[in-house]
Amino acid sequence: MLKRNHLRQFLAIVETGGISAAARRLNLSQPTLSAGLAELERLVGAPLLMRDRKQIRLTAAGTRLLAHARTIEREFRLAETPAQDLAPVAAPLRLGVLASLPGRALVQLARDMQGTRPLVLLEGSDADLRRRLGEGQLDAILTLLHGAPAEGAVVEESYAMLLPQGHALAARTMVSALDLAADVMVARRSCEILGETSRFFTAQGVRPHFLLRSANEERCMDLVRQGLAVTTGPVSLAGDGVVAVPLAGYDFRRRLGLVGGGQALDPALVASWGRLAASWA
């Protein structure tokens, strides 16, 4: 049976770099420690260390065991700590985020929340986020507002054509659907107005060739960034080689904000979202 002593001896060997040094740390004889290592390797069913004259190196099995051993030892030490010495740990804040939000916005929000409360981000569609909020799986969601009131700041932005920076139409102040009839496109399946967009181009007599249809925003935007396709989306997705150009007649907008599940929202989250909203572009 695998015991804590096996793992402590293994960790000592790894951390000190040798049997002799580990034996001194643990106040054991070298033969005793070697026997303990041999027993651990028998229990694991594979060699854990490769020995040569200069150093001890981990095998693949040893590398895998090392991660588990450190976690187990850390949990043992935590369990041995008197309860009065343990600092209270705040419950994670479960925040649902709309899948079409720009990645840099999530980075800024997560960075701003550091040091306040553990944050767990879960992405999804507006409908999925609202369902999970109603079922108590989420504490708050950052999503579309549909005209409803929100707690804290609100961001409103338009949709546009998203073109590679080197595209022939990238410098235009506006383009038409017919201007893009020959362009290859990607369909962003995470787009909340995907159906309306399809009907818009059909009404304009434009039926583009689609290189990709995907809910993976990063993959879609990489294809645009590399000049392989164009797409539509909220203007906040522009930047880093992608230009947003207004599309004539494509007058859609969206409002984004925080929605709570009936309880007061975390003040740190409201403040962080407010700072993000103030810098939104």
C-alpha atoms as a PDB file:
ATOM      1  CA  MET A   1       0.000   0.000   0.000  1.00  0.00           C
ATOM      2  CA  LEU A   2       1.264   3.443  -0.913  1.00  0.00           C
ATOM      3  CA  LYS A   3       1.974   5.518   2.205  1.00  0.00           C
ATOM      4  CA  ARG A   4       2.758   9.139   2.879  1.00  0.00           C
ATOM      5  CA  ASN A   5       6.310   8.219   3.892  1.00  0.00           C
ATOM      6  CA  HIS A   6       6.922   6.841   0.399  1.00  0.00           C
ATOM      7  CA  LEU A   7       5.989  10.181  -1.134  1.00  0.00           C
ATOM      8  CA  ARG A   8       7.924  12.242   1.433  1.00  0.00           C
ATOM      9  CA  GLN A   9      11.055  10.202   0.786  1.00  0.00           C
ATOM     10  CA  PHE A  10      10.600  10.534  -2.980  1.00  0.00           C
ATOM     11  CA  LEU A  11      10.137  14.310  -2.674  1.00  0.00           C
ATOM     12  CA  ALA A  12      13.228  14.616  -0.478  1.00  0.00           C
ATOM     13  CA  ILE A  13      15.345  12.778  -3.064  1.00  0.00           C
ATOM     14  CA  VAL A  14      14.074  14.998  -5.877  1.00  0.00           C
ATOM     15  CA  GLU A  15      14.441  18.239  -3.911  1.00  0.00           C
ATOM     16  CA  THR A  16      17.945  17.505  -2.574  1.00  0.00           C
ATOM     17  CA  GLY A  17      19.187  15.869  -5.756  1.00  0.00           C
ATOM     18  CA  GLY A  18      20.465  12.633  -4.239  1.00  0.00           C
ATOM     19  CA  ILE A  19      19.999   9.721  -1.864  1.00  0.00           C
ATOM     20  CA  SER A  20      22.704  10.863   0.553  1.00  0.00           C
ATOM     21  CA  ALA A  21      21.403  14.401   0.960  1.00  0.00           C
ATOM     22  CA  ALA A  22      17.820  13.173   1.264  1.00  0.00           C
ATOM     23  CA  ALA A  23      18.824  10.649   3.900  1.00  0.00           C
ATOM     24  CA  ARG A  24      20.450  13.408   5.949  1.00  0.00           C
ATOM     25  CA  ARG A  25      17.369  15.601   5.655  1.00  0.00           C
ATOM     26  CA  LEU A  26      15.079  12.781   6.799  1.00  0.00           C
ATOM     27  CA  ASN A  27      17.510  11.458   9.412  1.00  0.00           C
ATOM     28  CA  LEU A  28      17.547   8.029   7.782  1.00  0.00           C
ATOM     29  CA  SER A  29      20.318   5.702   6.699  1.00  0.00           C
ATOM     30  CA  GLN A  30      21.036   5.510   2.967  1.00  0.00           C
ATOM     31  CA  PRO A  31      20.103   1.784   2.784  1.00  0.00           C
ATOM     32  CA  THR A  32      16.769   2.501   4.452  1.00  0.00           C
ATOM     33  CA  LEU A  33      15.993   5.303   2.018  1.00  0.00           C
ATOM     34  CA  SER A  34      17.088   3.208  -0.969  1.00  0.00           C
ATOM     35  CA  ALA A  35      14.852   0.382   0.214  1.00  0.00           C
ATOM     36  CA  GLY A  36      11.934   2.803   0.543  1.00  0.00           C
ATOM     37  CA  LEU A  37      12.496   4.068  -2.990  1.00  0.00           C
ATOM     38  CA  ALA A  38      12.653   0.534  -4.333  1.00  0.00           C
ATOM     39  CA  GLU A  39       9.366  -0.298  -2.606  1.00  0.00           C
ATOM     40  CA  LEU A  40       7.728   2.832  -4.062  1.00  0.00           C
ATOM     41  CA  GLU A  41       8.877   1.893  -7.580  1.00  0.00           C
ATOM     42  CA  ARG A  42       7.444  -1.583  -7.044  1.00  0.00           C
ATOM     43  CA  LEU A  43       4.103  -0.142  -5.965  1.00  0.00           C
ATOM     44  CA  VAL A  44       4.031   2.293  -8.899  1.00  0.00           C
ATOM     45  CA  GLY A  45       5.150  -0.406 -11.298  1.00  0.00           C
ATOM     46  CA  ALA A  46       7.859   1.600 -13.030  1.00  0.00           C
ATOM     47  CA  PRO A  47      11.320   3.121 -12.360  1.00  0.00           C
ATOM     48  CA  LEU A  48      11.028   6.667 -11.047  1.00  0.00           C
ATOM     49  CA  LEU A  49      14.657   7.839 -11.178  1.00  0.00           C
ATOM     50  CA  MET A  50      17.637   7.365 -13.466  1.00  0.00           C
ATOM     51  CA  ARG A  51      20.917   7.446 -11.559  1.00  0.00           C
ATOM     52  CA  ASP A  52      24.360   8.344 -12.834  1.00  0.00           C
ATOM     53  CA  ARG A  53      27.500   9.630 -11.138  1.00  0.00           C
ATOM     54  CA  LYS A  54      26.608  13.308 -11.419  1.00  0.00           C
ATOM     55  CA  GLN A  55      22.885  13.533 -10.861  1.00  0.00           C
ATOM     56  CA  ILE A  56      19.540  11.861 -10.423  1.00  0.00           C
ATOM     57  CA  ARG A  57      17.018  12.432 -13.202  1.00  0.00           C
ATOM     58  CA  LEU A  58      13.298  11.712 -13.261  1.00  0.00           C
ATOM     59  CA  THR A  59      11.837   9.146 -15.620  1.00  0.00           C
ATOM     60  CA  ALA A  60       8.496   9.834 -17.315  1.00  0.00           C
ATOM     61  CA  ALA A  61       6.760   7.936 -14.501  1.00  0.00           C
ATOM     62  CA  GLY A  62       8.741   9.931 -11.947  1.00  0.00           C
ATOM     63  CA  THR A  63       7.692  13.217 -13.535  1.00  0.00           C
ATOM     64  CA  ARG A  64       4.038  12.207 -13.375  1.00  0.00           C
ATOM     65  CA  LEU A  65       4.316  11.058  -9.772  1.00  0.00           C
ATOM     66  CA  LEU A  66       6.126  14.238  -8.727  1.00  0.00           C
ATOM     67  CA  ALA A  67       3.133  16.447  -9.528  1.00  0.00           C
ATOM     68  CA  HIS A  68       0.779  14.171  -7.578  1.00  0.00           C
ATOM     69  CA  ALA A  69       3.202  13.819  -4.658  1.00  0.00           C
ATOM     70  CA  ARG A  70       3.544  17.583  -4.256  1.00  0.00           C
ATOM     71  CA  THR A  71      -0.235  18.035  -4.309  1.00  0.00           C
ATOM     72  CA  ILE A  72      -0.806  15.261  -1.772  1.00  0.00           C
ATOM     73  CA  GLU A  73       1.905  16.562   0.564  1.00  0.00           C
ATOM     74  CA  ARG A  74       0.513  20.088   0.319  1.00  0.00           C
ATOM     75  CA  GLU A  75      -2.957  18.797   1.264  1.00  0.00           C
ATOM     76  CA  PHE A  76      -1.520  16.812   4.173  1.00  0.00           C
ATOM     77  CA  ARG A  77       0.213  19.924   5.521  1.00  0.00           C
ATOM     78  CA  LEU A  78      -2.955  21.953   5.141  1.00  0.00           C
ATOM     79  CA  ALA A  79      -4.948  19.307   7.022  1.00  0.00           C
ATOM     80  CA  GLU A  80      -2.376  19.376   9.828  1.00  0.00           C
ATOM     81  CA  THR A  81      -2.610  23.164  10.186  1.00  0.00           C
ATOM     82  CA  PRO A  82      -4.763  24.205  13.160  1.00  0.00           C
ATOM     83  CA  ALA A  83      -8.100  25.615  12.024  1.00  0.00           C
ATOM     84  CA  GLN A  84      -7.476  28.924  13.800  1.00  0.00           C
ATOM     85  CA  ASP A  85      -4.357  29.443  11.678  1.00  0.00           C
ATOM     86  CA  LEU A  86      -6.209  29.102   8.388  1.00  0.00           C
ATOM     87  CA  ALA A  87      -7.239  32.286   6.632  1.00  0.00           C
ATOM     88  CA  PRO A  88     -10.840  32.236   5.378  1.00  0.00           C
ATOM     89  CA  VAL A  89     -11.039  31.462   1.682  1.00  0.00           C
ATOM     90  CA  ALA A  90     -13.593  33.391  -0.337  1.00  0.00           C
ATOM     91  CA  ALA A  91     -15.893  31.342  -2.546  1.00  0.00           C
ATOM     92  CA  PRO A  92     -15.102  31.757  -6.252  1.00  0.00           C
ATOM     93  CA  LEU A  93     -17.193  34.256  -8.176  1.00  0.00           C
ATOM     94  CA  ARG A  94     -18.786  32.387 -11.089  1.00  0.00           C
ATOM     95  CA  LEU A  95     -19.157  34.875 -13.945  1.00  0.00           C
ATOM     96  CA  GLY A  96     -20.774  33.853 -17.225  1.00  0.00           C
ATOM     97  CA  VAL A  97     -19.453  35.769 -20.226  1.00  0.00           C
ATOM     98  CA  LEU A  98     -20.870  36.083 -23.714  1.00  0.00           C
ATOM     99  CA  ALA A  99     -18.803  33.987 -26.131  1.00  0.00           C
ATOM    100  CA  SER A 100     -18.512  36.883 -28.590  1.00  0.00           C
ATOM    101  CA  LEU A 101     -16.802  39.225 -26.128  1.00  0.00           C
ATOM    102  CA  PRO A 102     -13.288  40.208 -27.248  1.00  0.00           C
ATOM    103  CA  GLY A 103     -10.529  38.266 -25.526  1.00  0.00           C
ATOM    104  CA  ARG A 104      -8.687  41.397 -24.436  1.00  0.00           C
ATOM    105  CA  ALA A 105     -11.776  42.482 -22.462  1.00  0.00           C
ATOM    106  CA  LEU A 106     -11.731  39.248 -20.480  1.00  0.00           C
ATOM    107  CA  VAL A 107      -7.996  39.631 -19.876  1.00  0.00           C
ATOM    108  CA  GLN A 108      -8.505  43.132 -18.492  1.00  0.00           C
ATOM    109  CA  LEU A 109     -11.431  42.047 -16.322  1.00  0.00           C
ATOM    110  CA  ALA A 110      -9.591  39.013 -14.915  1.00  0.00           C
ATOM    111  CA  ARG A 111      -6.458  41.064 -14.222  1.00  0.00           C
ATOM    112  CA  ASP A 112      -8.466  43.798 -12.522  1.00  0.00           C
ATOM    113  CA  MET A 113     -10.206  41.255 -10.270  1.00  0.00           C
ATOM    114  CA  GLN A 114      -6.936  39.739  -9.075  1.00  0.00           C
ATOM    115  CA  GLY A 115      -6.490  40.081  -5.347  1.00  0.00           C
ATOM    116  CA  THR A 116     -10.193  40.696  -4.690  1.00  0.00           C
ATOM    117  CA  ARG A 117     -11.921  37.313  -5.026  1.00  0.00           C
ATOM    118  CA  PRO A 118     -11.220  34.115  -6.976  1.00  0.00           C
ATOM    119  CA  LEU A 119     -12.863  34.427 -10.387  1.00  0.00           C
ATOM    120  CA  VAL A 120     -14.186  31.627 -12.597  1.00  0.00           C
ATOM    121  CA  LEU A 121     -15.166  32.619 -16.158  1.00  0.00           C
ATOM    122  CA  LEU A 122     -17.661  30.437 -18.027  1.00  0.00           C
ATOM    123  CA  GLU A 123     -18.586  31.359 -21.599  1.00  0.00           C
ATOM    124  CA  GLY A 124     -21.724  30.664 -23.582  1.00  0.00           C
ATOM    125  CA  SER A 125     -24.532  32.133 -25.637  1.00  0.00           C
ATOM    126  CA  ASP A 126     -26.888  34.686 -24.135  1.00  0.00           C
ATOM    127  CA  ALA A 127     -29.669  32.091 -23.801  1.00  0.00           C
ATOM    128  CA  ASP A 128     -27.343  29.539 -22.207  1.00  0.00           C
ATOM    129  CA  LEU A 129     -25.938  32.076 -19.734  1.00  0.00           C
ATOM    130  CA  ARG A 130     -29.393  33.224 -18.675  1.00  0.00           C
ATOM    131  CA  ARG A 131     -30.536  29.631 -18.163  1.00  0.00           C
ATOM    132  CA  ARG A 132     -27.520  28.821 -15.990  1.00  0.00           C
ATOM    133  CA  LEU A 133     -27.973  32.028 -14.015  1.00  0.00           C
ATOM    134  CA  GLY A 134     -31.606  31.112 -13.351  1.00  0.00           C
ATOM    135  CA  GLU A 135     -30.587  27.631 -12.214  1.00  0.00           C
ATOM    136  CA  GLY A 136     -28.064  29.071  -9.753  1.00  0.00           C
ATOM    137  CA  GLN A 137     -25.020  27.762 -11.621  1.00  0.00           C
ATOM    138  CA  LEU A 138     -23.678  31.311 -12.072  1.00  0.00           C
ATOM    139  CA  ASP A 139     -23.496  34.302  -9.739  1.00  0.00           C
ATOM    140  CA  ALA A 140     -23.666  36.918 -12.512  1.00  0.00           C
ATOM    141  CA  ILE A 141     -23.458  37.154 -16.279  1.00  0.00           C
ATOM    142  CA  LEU A 142     -21.922  39.683 -18.658  1.00  0.00           C
ATOM    143  CA  THR A 143     -24.186  39.508 -21.667  1.00  0.00           C
ATOM    144  CA  LEU A 144     -26.688  41.224 -23.967  1.00  0.00           C
ATOM    145  CA  LEU A 145     -29.242  43.441 -22.263  1.00  0.00           C
ATOM    146  CA  HIS A 146     -32.183  43.388 -24.722  1.00  0.00           C
ATOM    147  CA  GLY A 147     -33.294  46.759 -23.409  1.00  0.00           C
ATOM    148  CA  ALA A 148     -33.508  45.470 -19.833  1.00  0.00           C
ATOM    149  CA  PRO A 149     -31.870  47.367 -16.975  1.00  0.00           C
ATOM    150  CA  ALA A 150     -28.439  46.311 -15.804  1.00  0.00           C
ATOM    151  CA  GLU A 151     -26.402  46.790 -12.651  1.00  0.00           C
ATOM    152  CA  GLY A 152     -23.555  49.215 -13.230  1.00  0.00           C
ATOM    153  CA  ALA A 153     -22.075  50.312 -16.519  1.00  0.00           C
ATOM    154  CA  VAL A 154     -23.516  49.591 -19.967  1.00  0.00           C
ATOM    155  CA  VAL A 155     -21.572  49.314 -23.215  1.00  0.00           C
ATOM    156  CA  GLU A 156     -23.307  49.951 -26.530  1.00  0.00           C
ATOM    157  CA  GLU A 157     -21.565  49.198 -29.802  1.00  0.00           C
ATOM    158  CA  SER A 158     -22.336  48.710 -33.485  1.00  0.00           C
ATOM    159  CA  TYR A 159     -21.623  45.837 -35.842  1.00  0.00           C
ATOM    160  CA  ALA A 160     -19.484  46.237 -38.956  1.00  0.00           C
ATOM    161  CA  MET A 161     -17.460  44.393 -41.572  1.00  0.00           C
ATOM    162  CA  LEU A 162     -14.221  43.078 -40.132  1.00  0.00           C
ATOM    163  CA  LEU A 163     -11.494  43.204 -42.766  1.00  0.00           C
ATOM    164  CA  PRO A 164      -7.780  42.395 -42.787  1.00  0.00           C
ATOM    165  CA  GLN A 165      -5.711  45.525 -42.340  1.00  0.00           C
ATOM    166  CA  GLY A 166      -4.274  45.098 -45.843  1.00  0.00           C
ATOM    167  CA  HIS A 167      -7.658  44.623 -47.541  1.00  0.00           C
ATOM    168  CA  ALA A 168      -8.332  46.894 -50.525  1.00  0.00           C
ATOM    169  CA  LEU A 169     -11.435  48.288 -48.781  1.00  0.00           C
ATOM    170  CA  ALA A 170      -9.932  48.678 -45.317  1.00  0.00           C
ATOM    171  CA  ALA A 171      -9.453  52.436 -45.682  1.00  0.00           C
ATOM    172  CA  ARG A 172     -13.063  53.075 -46.731  1.00  0.00           C
ATOM    173  CA  THR A 173     -15.430  54.946 -44.426  1.00  0.00           C
ATOM    174  CA  MET A 174     -18.214  52.570 -45.522  1.00  0.00           C
ATOM    175  CA  VAL A 175     -18.650  49.550 -47.786  1.00  0.00           C
ATOM    176  CA  SER A 176     -21.650  47.878 -49.369  1.00  0.00           C
ATOM    177  CA  ALA A 177     -22.559  44.205 -49.509  1.00  0.00           C
ATOM    178  CA  LEU A 178     -21.946  44.219 -53.269  1.00  0.00           C
ATOM    179  CA  ASP A 179     -18.411  45.520 -52.676  1.00  0.00           C
ATOM    180  CA  LEU A 180     -17.734  42.248 -50.865  1.00  0.00           C
ATOM    181  CA  ALA A 181     -19.534  39.868 -53.216  1.00  0.00           C
ATOM    182  CA  ALA A 182     -16.270  38.289 -54.381  1.00  0.00           C
ATOM    183  CA  ASP A 183     -14.714  37.999 -50.918  1.00  0.00           C
ATOM    184  CA  VAL A 184     -14.338  34.749 -49.035  1.00  0.00           C
ATOM    185  CA  MET A 185     -16.016  34.914 -45.630  1.00  0.00           C
ATOM    186  CA  VAL A 186     -16.065  33.126 -42.301  1.00  0.00           C
ATOM    187  CA  ALA A 187     -19.321  32.646 -40.384  1.00  0.00           C
ATOM    188  CA  ARG A 188     -18.898  33.343 -36.674  1.00  0.00           C
ATOM    189  CA  ARG A 189     -21.378  30.919 -35.137  1.00  0.00           C
ATOM    190  CA  SER A 190     -21.067  32.687 -31.782  1.00  0.00           C
ATOM    191  CA  CYS A 191     -22.507  35.839 -33.374  1.00  0.00           C
ATOM    192  CA  GLU A 192     -25.813  36.707 -31.744  1.00  0.00           C
ATOM    193  CA  ILE A 193     -27.227  38.148 -35.015  1.00  0.00           C
ATOM    194  CA  LEU A 194     -26.044  35.357 -37.321  1.00  0.00           C
ATOM    195  CA  GLY A 195     -29.551  34.801 -38.720  1.00  0.00           C
ATOM    196  CA  GLU A 196     -30.111  38.501 -39.358  1.00  0.00           C
ATOM    197  CA  THR A 197     -26.733  38.757 -41.061  1.00  0.00           C
ATOM    198  CA  SER A 198     -27.500  35.853 -43.385  1.00  0.00           C
ATOM    199  CA  ARG A 199     -30.832  37.426 -44.356  1.00  0.00           C
ATOM    200  CA  PHE A 200     -29.158  40.795 -44.903  1.00  0.00           C
ATOM    201  CA  PHE A 201     -26.671  39.471 -47.453  1.00  0.00           C
ATOM    202  CA  THR A 202     -29.335  37.340 -49.158  1.00  0.00           C
ATOM    203  CA  ALA A 203     -31.556  40.417 -49.536  1.00  0.00           C
ATOM    204  CA  GLN A 204     -28.614  42.239 -51.120  1.00  0.00           C
ATOM    205  CA  GLY A 205     -28.201  39.416 -53.659  1.00  0.00           C
ATOM    206  CA  VAL A 206     -24.839  38.389 -52.188  1.00  0.00           C
ATOM    207  CA  ARG A 207     -24.157  34.712 -51.506  1.00  0.00           C
ATOM    208  CA  PRO A 208     -20.510  34.536 -50.428  1.00  0.00           C
ATOM    209  CA  HIS A 209     -18.277  31.501 -50.320  1.00  0.00           C
ATOM    210  CA  PHE A 210     -17.633  30.507 -46.695  1.00  0.00           C
ATOM    211  CA  LEU A 211     -14.173  29.286 -45.867  1.00  0.00           C
ATOM    212  CA  LEU A 212     -15.198  28.340 -42.322  1.00  0.00           C
ATOM    213  CA  ARG A 213     -18.265  28.218 -40.096  1.00  0.00           C
ATOM    214  CA  SER A 214     -17.140  28.028 -36.484  1.00  0.00           C
ATOM    215  CA  ALA A 215     -17.979  29.069 -32.931  1.00  0.00           C
ATOM    216  CA  ASN A 216     -14.261  29.418 -32.230  1.00  0.00           C
ATOM    217  CA  GLU A 217     -13.760  33.192 -32.265  1.00  0.00           C
ATOM    218  CA  GLU A 218      -9.979  33.022 -32.200  1.00  0.00           C
ATOM    219  CA  ARG A 219      -9.883  30.720 -35.226  1.00  0.00           C
ATOM    220  CA  CYS A 220     -12.299  32.901 -37.178  1.00  0.00           C
ATOM    221  CA  MET A 221     -10.429  36.100 -36.410  1.00  0.00           C
ATOM    222  CA  ASP A 222      -7.056  34.517 -37.213  1.00  0.00           C
ATOM    223  CA  LEU A 223      -8.281  33.776 -40.740  1.00  0.00           C
ATOM    224  CA  VAL A 224      -9.366  37.403 -41.137  1.00  0.00           C
ATOM    225  CA  ARG A 225      -6.142  38.709 -39.634  1.00  0.00           C
ATOM    226  CA  GLN A 226      -4.075  36.652 -42.088  1.00  0.00           C
ATOM    227  CA  GLY A 227      -5.984  38.042 -45.075  1.00  0.00           C
ATOM    228  CA  LEU A 228      -7.742  34.774 -45.914  1.00  0.00           C
ATOM    229  CA  ALA A 229     -11.324  35.908 -45.294  1.00  0.00           C
ATOM    230  CA  VAL A 230     -13.609  38.666 -44.035  1.00  0.00           C
ATOM    231  CA  THR A 231     -16.487  38.534 -41.564  1.00  0.00           C
ATOM    232  CA  THR A 232     -19.007  40.637 -39.688  1.00  0.00           C
ATOM    233  CA  GLY A 233     -19.005  41.335 -35.981  1.00  0.00           C
ATOM    234  CA  PRO A 234     -19.106  43.921 -33.221  1.00  0.00           C
ATOM    235  CA  VAL A 235     -16.514  46.651 -33.652  1.00  0.00           C
ATOM    236  CA  SER A 236     -14.755  45.627 -30.427  1.00  0.00           C
ATOM    237  CA  LEU A 237     -13.357  42.588 -32.245  1.00  0.00           C
ATOM    238  CA  ALA A 238     -11.245  44.879 -34.451  1.00  0.00           C
ATOM    239  CA  GLY A 239      -7.590  45.556 -33.692  1.00  0.00           C
ATOM    240  CA  ASP A 240      -4.345  43.597 -34.068  1.00  0.00           C
ATOM    241  CA  GLY A 241      -4.479  43.504 -37.858  1.00  0.00           C
ATOM    242  CA  VAL A 242      -8.276  43.641 -38.194  1.00  0.00           C
ATOM    243  CA  VAL A 243     -10.171  46.787 -39.257  1.00  0.00           C
ATOM    244  CA  ALA A 244     -13.867  47.494 -38.634  1.00  0.00           C
ATOM    245  CA  VAL A 245     -15.583  49.246 -41.560  1.00  0.00           C
ATOM    246  CA  PRO A 246     -19.295  50.224 -41.429  1.00  0.00           C
ATOM    247  CA  LEU A 247     -21.509  48.225 -43.793  1.00  0.00           C
ATOM    248  CA  ALA A 248     -24.262  50.205 -45.545  1.00  0.00           C
ATOM    249  CA  GLY A 249     -27.718  49.203 -44.308  1.00  0.00           C
ATOM    250  CA  TYR A 250     -26.287  46.886 -41.657  1.00  0.00           C
ATOM    251  CA  ASP A 251     -27.549  48.933 -38.729  1.00  0.00           C
ATOM    252  CA  PHE A 252     -27.398  46.436 -35.889  1.00  0.00           C
ATOM    253  CA  ARG A 253     -26.197  47.351 -32.408  1.00  0.00           C
ATOM    254  CA  ARG A 254     -25.798  45.552 -29.110  1.00  0.00           C
ATOM    255  CA  ARG A 255     -25.866  46.570 -25.445  1.00  0.00           C
ATOM    256  CA  LEU A 256     -23.714  44.744 -22.920  1.00  0.00           C
ATOM    257  CA  GLY A 257     -23.900  44.782 -19.155  1.00  0.00           C
ATOM    258  CA  LEU A 258     -23.889  42.802 -15.935  1.00  0.00           C
ATOM    259  CA  VAL A 259     -26.982  40.865 -14.930  1.00  0.00           C
ATOM    260  CA  GLY A 260     -27.360  39.371 -11.454  1.00  0.00           C
ATOM    261  CA  GLY A 261     -29.359  36.407 -10.273  1.00  0.00           C
ATOM    262  CA  GLY A 262     -31.569  38.280  -7.840  1.00  0.00           C
ATOM    263  CA  GLN A 263     -28.864  38.984  -5.274  1.00  0.00           C
ATOM    264  CA  ALA A 264     -26.615  42.015  -4.994  1.00  0.00           C
ATOM    265  CA  LEU A 265     -23.622  41.765  -7.312  1.00  0.00           C
ATOM    266  CA  ASP A 266     -20.106  41.617  -5.943  1.00  0.00           C
ATOM    267  CA  PRO A 267     -18.988  45.278  -5.554  1.00  0.00           C
ATOM    268  CA  ALA A 268     -15.487  44.463  -6.852  1.00  0.00           C
ATOM    269  CA  LEU A 269     -16.986  42.955 -10.000  1.00  0.00           C
ATOM    270  CA  VAL A 270     -19.237  45.967 -10.581  1.00  0.00           C
ATOM    271  CA  ALA A 271     -16.262  48.301 -10.143  1.00  0.00           C
ATOM    272  CA  SER A 272     -14.023  46.223 -12.439  1.00  0.00           C
ATOM    273  CA  TRP A 273     -16.681  46.102 -15.137  1.00  0.00           C
ATOM    274  CA  GLY A 274     -17.152  49.848 -14.797  1.00  0.00           C
ATOM    275  CA  ARG A 275     -13.469  50.455 -15.459  1.00  0.00           C
ATOM    276  CA  LEU A 276     -13.525  48.081 -18.408  1.00  0.00           C
ATOM    277  CA  ALA A 277     -16.641  49.702 -19.864  1.00  0.00           C
ATOM    278  CA  ALA A 278     -15.035  53.156 -19.579  1.00  0.00           C
ATOM    279  CA  SER A 279     -12.114  51.994 -21.722  1.00  0.00           C
ATOM    280  CA  TRP A 280     -14.177  49.906 -24.169  1.00  0.00           C
ATOM    281  CA  ALA A 281     -13.242  50.345 -27.804  1.00  0.00           C
END
